[in-house]
Protein backbone atom coordinates (compact mmCIF):
# COMPACT_ATOMS: atom_id res chain seq x y z
CA GLY A 1 91.55 23.48 160.45
CA THR A 2 92.13 26.98 159.14
CA LEU A 3 93.85 25.74 155.99
CA SER A 4 90.86 23.55 155.13
CA GLN A 5 88.57 26.60 155.35
CA VAL A 6 90.49 28.84 152.95
CA HIS A 7 87.92 28.34 150.21
CA THR A 8 85.15 29.45 152.59
CA PHE A 9 87.13 32.55 153.60
CA ILE A 10 87.65 33.55 149.97
CA GLU A 11 83.98 32.98 149.18
CA GLU A 12 82.91 35.17 152.10
CA ALA A 13 85.37 37.90 151.07
CA VAL A 14 83.97 37.87 147.52
CA LYS A 15 80.41 38.26 148.83
CA GLU A 16 81.44 41.07 151.17
CA VAL A 17 83.18 43.00 148.37
CA PHE A 18 80.25 42.34 146.05
CA ASP A 19 77.85 43.86 148.59
CA TYR A 20 80.14 46.85 149.15
CA LEU A 21 80.44 47.56 145.41
CA ARG A 22 76.68 47.58 144.82
CA PRO A 23 75.16 49.75 147.54
CA PRO A 24 71.37 49.58 147.94
CA ARG A 25 69.34 52.61 146.87
CA SER A 26 72.34 54.38 145.34
CA ALA A 27 71.65 57.70 143.66
CA TYR A 28 74.37 57.12 141.06
CA LYS A 29 73.65 55.64 137.63
CA THR A 30 76.87 53.61 137.56
CA ASN A 31 75.98 51.69 140.73
CA THR A 32 73.40 48.95 140.26
CA GLU A 33 71.86 46.73 142.90
CA PHE A 34 72.02 43.57 140.80
CA GLU A 35 75.59 43.33 139.54
CA VAL A 36 78.90 45.17 139.53
CA GLY A 37 79.47 47.05 136.29
CA LYS A 38 82.56 48.54 134.65
CA ARG A 39 82.60 51.50 137.07
CA VAL A 40 81.41 52.18 140.58
CA ILE A 41 81.24 55.28 142.75
CA LEU A 42 82.23 54.73 146.37
CA THR A 43 80.97 57.45 148.72
CA TRP A 44 83.00 58.74 151.66
CA ALA A 45 85.98 56.67 150.50
CA VAL A 46 88.67 59.38 150.28
CA GLU A 47 89.57 62.65 151.94
CA ARG A 48 91.81 65.59 151.16
CA LYS A 49 95.28 65.84 152.64
CA TYR A 50 96.45 69.11 154.16
CA ASN A 51 99.28 69.48 151.63
CA GLY A 52 97.07 68.60 148.64
CA GLY A 53 96.36 65.21 147.19
CA PHE A 54 94.11 62.56 148.65
CA GLN A 55 94.17 59.66 151.05
CA THR A 56 91.76 56.86 151.85
CA ASN A 57 89.21 57.50 154.56
CA TYR A 58 90.26 55.71 157.73
CA HIS A 59 86.88 54.03 158.10
CA ARG A 60 86.77 52.81 154.48
CA GLU A 61 90.37 51.67 154.10
CA GLN A 62 89.60 48.08 155.12
CA SER A 63 86.86 47.81 152.47
CA ILE A 64 89.11 49.23 149.76
CA ARG A 65 91.87 46.83 150.79
CA GLY A 66 89.30 44.02 150.57
CA ILE A 67 88.47 44.97 146.97
CA ASP A 68 92.16 44.74 146.10
CA ASN A 69 92.53 41.39 147.89
CA VAL A 70 89.55 39.86 146.12
CA PHE A 71 90.71 40.95 142.68
CA HIS A 72 94.18 39.55 143.34
CA ALA A 73 92.61 36.26 144.51
CA LEU A 74 90.28 36.05 141.50
CA ASP A 75 93.27 36.52 139.23
CA GLY A 76 95.13 33.69 140.98
CA ASN A 77 97.78 35.93 142.57
CA GLY A 78 96.90 35.20 146.20
CA THR A 79 96.51 38.27 148.37
CA VAL A 80 98.21 41.66 148.15
CA HIS A 81 101.90 41.73 148.98
CA THR A 82 102.06 45.01 150.88
CA HIS A 83 100.45 46.03 154.16
CA ARG A 84 97.80 48.27 152.64
CA GLY A 85 97.74 46.94 149.10
CA PRO A 86 98.43 48.59 145.73
CA LEU A 87 95.07 50.37 145.50
CA VAL A 88 95.27 52.07 148.90
CA ASP A 89 98.94 52.92 148.29
CA ALA A 90 98.11 54.45 144.89
CA ILE A 91 95.26 56.52 146.36
CA ASN A 92 97.49 57.79 149.18
CA GLN A 93 100.24 58.74 146.70
CA CYS A 94 98.11 60.37 144.00
CA GLY A 95 98.63 64.04 143.33
CA ARG A 96 96.29 67.00 143.47
CA ASP A 97 94.40 65.81 140.38
CA GLY A 98 93.33 62.68 142.28
CA LYS A 99 93.94 60.33 139.37
CA GLY A 100 95.76 57.04 139.57
CA GLU A 101 96.03 53.52 138.27
CA THR A 102 96.98 50.02 139.41
CA PRO A 103 97.10 46.77 137.40
CA TYR A 104 93.42 46.13 138.16
CA PHE A 105 91.90 49.60 138.61
CA LYS A 106 91.80 53.19 137.37
CA PHE A 107 90.50 55.73 139.83
CA LYS A 108 89.77 59.38 140.39
CA CYS A 109 89.28 61.01 143.77
CA TYR A 110 86.93 63.95 144.18
CA ARG A 111 86.64 66.70 146.78
CA ASN A 112 83.18 65.51 147.81
CA GLN A 113 84.97 62.40 149.18
CA ASN A 114 83.79 60.13 146.36
CA LEU A 115 86.07 57.62 144.69
CA HIS A 116 85.26 56.76 141.08
CA LEU A 117 86.67 53.29 140.51
CA GLU A 118 86.95 51.78 137.03
CA PHE A 119 87.82 48.12 136.58
CA LYS A 120 90.47 47.33 133.99
CA ARG A 121 89.90 43.56 134.03
CA LEU A 122 86.26 42.99 133.09
CA ASP A 123 86.79 39.23 133.10
CA LEU A 124 87.46 39.43 136.85
CA VAL A 125 84.35 41.57 137.32
CA ALA A 126 82.30 38.91 135.52
CA LYS A 127 83.85 36.26 137.76
CA LEU A 128 83.00 38.35 140.84
CA ASN A 129 79.39 38.70 139.67
CA GLN A 130 79.15 34.98 139.00
CA LEU A 131 80.62 33.88 142.33
CA ALA A 132 78.67 36.34 144.47
CA GLY A 133 75.34 35.75 142.75
CA GLY A 134 74.97 38.97 140.80
CA MET A 135 73.76 37.26 137.67
CA ARG A 136 71.14 35.33 139.66
CA LEU A 137 69.86 38.56 141.26
CA LYS A 138 69.10 40.19 137.92
CA PRO A 139 65.36 40.30 137.16
């Protein structure tokens, strides 16, 4: 039964990530309510480590891992192959400058706990918008 519902699980994950990446009433220009653009700003996503550098916020780690999973699935690579995923691992290993990169994302962590996430594969962003209904939500 579970195997027959895989398509439904992926569809629900795409919608969940889509909703997370376009927060309602966001004060940032890069975040829109209708579709995911080239960049997004995720608030309260990272925090400073005691020895410098950054790590993902404990409460947001699942959402960031979900973003990574969805982009891997949209690319046809299945799910991530590590426990936390390449994006969370890269954030946790970035230096004091807070910059990092994975095959799908570039990011920069800031002291105000914001994560600026830039998508490297815009074709996957377009696919995400199409599957989750972003293009239909546009006025």
